[in-house]
Amino acid sequence: MAQSYWTIWPQPILYLSGFRWHARKVSSQPEKDRTEEQYILSGVASVMDSDGRRLTR
């Protein structure tokens, strides 16, 4: 039962959980390191956009 539950569990939800954890980790880093991290995170977010639109700031 539990195995089938994880089989049908939407993958994007799992990715978003890791994404939020990584975002919290980045927020605790020095400003020097945040620019590169934010660039990476924004790139991941654009790929994860469910509507297929590029996320821009």
N, C-alpha and C. Protein backbone atom coordinates (compact mmCIF):
# COMPACT_ATOMS: atom_id res chain seq x y z
N MET A 1 0.84 -1.20 0.00
CA MET A 1 0.00 0.00 0.00
C MET A 1 0.87 1.25 0.00
N ALA A 2 1.81 1.28 0.95
CA ALA A 2 2.68 2.45 1.05
C ALA A 2 3.57 2.57 -0.18
N GLN A 3 4.00 1.42 -0.69
CA GLN A 3 4.89 1.44 -1.86
C GLN A 3 4.16 2.02 -3.08
N SER A 4 2.91 1.61 -3.29
CA SER A 4 2.15 2.13 -4.42
C SER A 4 1.86 3.61 -4.22
N TYR A 5 1.70 4.03 -2.96
CA TYR A 5 1.45 5.44 -2.67
C TYR A 5 2.62 6.29 -3.14
N TRP A 6 3.84 5.85 -2.85
CA TRP A 6 5.02 6.60 -3.27
C TRP A 6 5.22 6.51 -4.78
N THR A 7 4.73 5.44 -5.38
CA THR A 7 4.86 5.29 -6.83
C THR A 7 4.03 6.34 -7.55
N ILE A 8 2.82 6.61 -7.04
CA ILE A 8 1.93 7.57 -7.71
C ILE A 8 2.10 8.98 -7.17
N TRP A 9 2.97 9.14 -6.16
CA TRP A 9 3.15 10.47 -5.58
C TRP A 9 3.78 11.39 -6.62
N PRO A 10 3.17 12.59 -6.84
CA PRO A 10 3.69 13.52 -7.86
C PRO A 10 5.13 13.90 -7.60
N GLN A 11 6.00 13.68 -8.56
CA GLN A 11 7.41 14.01 -8.41
C GLN A 11 7.65 15.50 -8.15
N PRO A 12 6.94 16.42 -8.82
CA PRO A 12 7.19 17.85 -8.57
C PRO A 12 7.07 18.23 -7.11
N ILE A 13 6.17 17.57 -6.37
CA ILE A 13 6.01 17.87 -4.95
C ILE A 13 7.30 17.55 -4.20
N LEU A 14 7.91 16.42 -4.53
CA LEU A 14 9.16 16.03 -3.88
C LEU A 14 10.26 17.02 -4.21
N TYR A 15 10.30 17.48 -5.47
CA TYR A 15 11.31 18.44 -5.88
C TYR A 15 11.11 19.77 -5.16
N LEU A 16 9.85 20.20 -5.01
CA LEU A 16 9.56 21.47 -4.34
C LEU A 16 9.97 21.42 -2.88
N SER A 17 9.81 20.26 -2.24
CA SER A 17 10.22 20.12 -0.85
C SER A 17 11.72 20.35 -0.72
N GLY A 18 12.49 19.73 -1.59
CA GLY A 18 13.94 19.92 -1.58
C GLY A 18 14.31 21.34 -1.96
N PHE A 19 13.52 21.92 -2.86
CA PHE A 19 13.78 23.29 -3.31
C PHE A 19 13.64 24.26 -2.14
N ARG A 20 12.57 24.10 -1.34
CA ARG A 20 12.35 24.99 -0.20
C ARG A 20 13.44 24.80 0.84
N TRP A 21 13.87 23.56 1.07
CA TRP A 21 14.93 23.30 2.04
C TRP A 21 16.22 23.98 1.59
N HIS A 22 16.52 23.88 0.31
CA HIS A 22 17.74 24.48 -0.22
C HIS A 22 17.65 26.01 -0.12
N ALA A 23 16.46 26.56 -0.35
CA ALA A 23 16.28 28.01 -0.26
C ALA A 23 16.55 28.49 1.16
N ARG A 24 16.09 27.74 2.16
CA ARG A 24 16.36 28.12 3.56
C ARG A 24 17.84 28.03 3.85
N LYS A 25 18.50 27.03 3.31
CA LYS A 25 19.94 26.87 3.50
C LYS A 25 20.69 28.05 2.88
N VAL A 26 20.25 28.48 1.70
CA VAL A 26 20.90 29.60 1.02
C VAL A 26 20.73 30.89 1.82
N SER A 27 19.56 31.08 2.43
CA SER A 27 19.29 32.32 3.14
C SER A 27 20.21 32.51 4.34
N SER A 28 20.82 31.42 4.81
CA SER A 28 21.72 31.51 5.97
C SER A 28 23.17 31.70 5.55
N GLN A 29 23.43 31.69 4.24
CA GLN A 29 24.80 31.84 3.76
C GLN A 29 25.17 33.32 3.61
N PRO A 30 26.47 33.62 3.62
CA PRO A 30 26.93 35.00 3.41
C PRO A 30 26.45 35.54 2.07
N GLU A 31 26.31 36.86 2.00
CA GLU A 31 25.81 37.50 0.79
C GLU A 31 26.67 37.17 -0.43
N LYS A 32 27.96 36.96 -0.20
CA LYS A 32 28.89 36.67 -1.30
C LYS A 32 28.47 35.41 -2.07
N ASP A 33 27.98 34.41 -1.34
CA ASP A 33 27.65 33.14 -1.98
C ASP A 33 26.22 33.11 -2.52
N ARG A 34 25.41 34.07 -2.13
CA ARG A 34 23.99 34.01 -2.46
C ARG A 34 23.72 34.33 -3.93
N THR A 35 24.57 35.14 -4.55
CA THR A 35 24.33 35.51 -5.94
C THR A 35 24.35 34.28 -6.84
N GLU A 36 25.37 33.45 -6.70
CA GLU A 36 25.47 32.24 -7.52
C GLU A 36 24.34 31.28 -7.20
N GLU A 37 24.03 31.13 -5.91
CA GLU A 37 22.97 30.22 -5.50
C GLU A 37 21.63 30.67 -6.07
N GLN A 38 21.34 31.97 -5.98
CA GLN A 38 20.08 32.49 -6.49
C GLN A 38 19.97 32.28 -7.99
N TYR A 39 21.10 32.40 -8.68
CA TYR A 39 21.12 32.17 -10.13
C TYR A 39 20.74 30.72 -10.44
N ILE A 40 21.31 29.81 -9.66
CA ILE A 40 21.02 28.39 -9.85
C ILE A 40 19.55 28.10 -9.51
N LEU A 41 19.09 28.65 -8.39
CA LEU A 41 17.72 28.41 -7.96
C LEU A 41 16.73 28.97 -8.97
N SER A 42 17.01 30.15 -9.52
CA SER A 42 16.10 30.73 -10.51
C SER A 42 16.06 29.87 -11.77
N GLY A 43 17.21 29.30 -12.12
CA GLY A 43 17.25 28.41 -13.27
C GLY A 43 16.43 27.16 -13.03
N VAL A 44 16.52 26.60 -11.82
CA VAL A 44 15.73 25.42 -11.47
C VAL A 44 14.25 25.76 -11.49
N ALA A 45 13.91 26.94 -10.97
CA ALA A 45 12.51 27.36 -10.91
C ALA A 45 11.93 27.50 -12.31
N SER A 46 12.73 28.02 -13.24
CA SER A 46 12.23 28.18 -14.61
C SER A 46 11.94 26.82 -15.23
N VAL A 47 12.76 25.82 -14.91
CA VAL A 47 12.55 24.48 -15.43
C VAL A 47 11.31 23.85 -14.79
N MET A 48 11.08 24.16 -13.52
CA MET A 48 9.99 23.54 -12.78
C MET A 48 8.65 24.21 -13.02
N ASP A 49 8.62 25.34 -13.73
CA ASP A 49 7.36 26.06 -13.95
C ASP A 49 6.35 25.14 -14.64
N SER A 50 5.23 24.90 -13.98
CA SER A 50 4.26 23.92 -14.48
C SER A 50 3.58 24.39 -15.77
N ASP A 51 3.54 25.69 -16.01
CA ASP A 51 2.87 26.22 -17.20
C ASP A 51 3.82 26.30 -18.39
N GLY A 52 5.09 25.96 -18.19
CA GLY A 52 6.04 25.99 -19.27
C GLY A 52 6.55 27.39 -19.58
N ARG A 53 6.26 28.34 -18.70
CA ARG A 53 6.73 29.71 -18.92
C ARG A 53 8.05 29.92 -18.21
N ARG A 54 8.90 30.75 -18.77
CA ARG A 54 10.17 31.09 -18.12
C ARG A 54 9.89 32.06 -16.98
N LEU A 55 10.36 31.72 -15.78
CA LEU A 55 10.18 32.62 -14.65
C LEU A 55 11.25 33.70 -14.70
N THR A 56 10.80 34.95 -14.75
CA THR A 56 11.74 36.07 -14.80
C THR A 56 11.48 37.01 -13.64
N ARG A 57 12.53 37.71 -13.21
CA ARG A 57 12.38 38.64 -12.10
C ARG A 57 12.16 40.05 -12.62
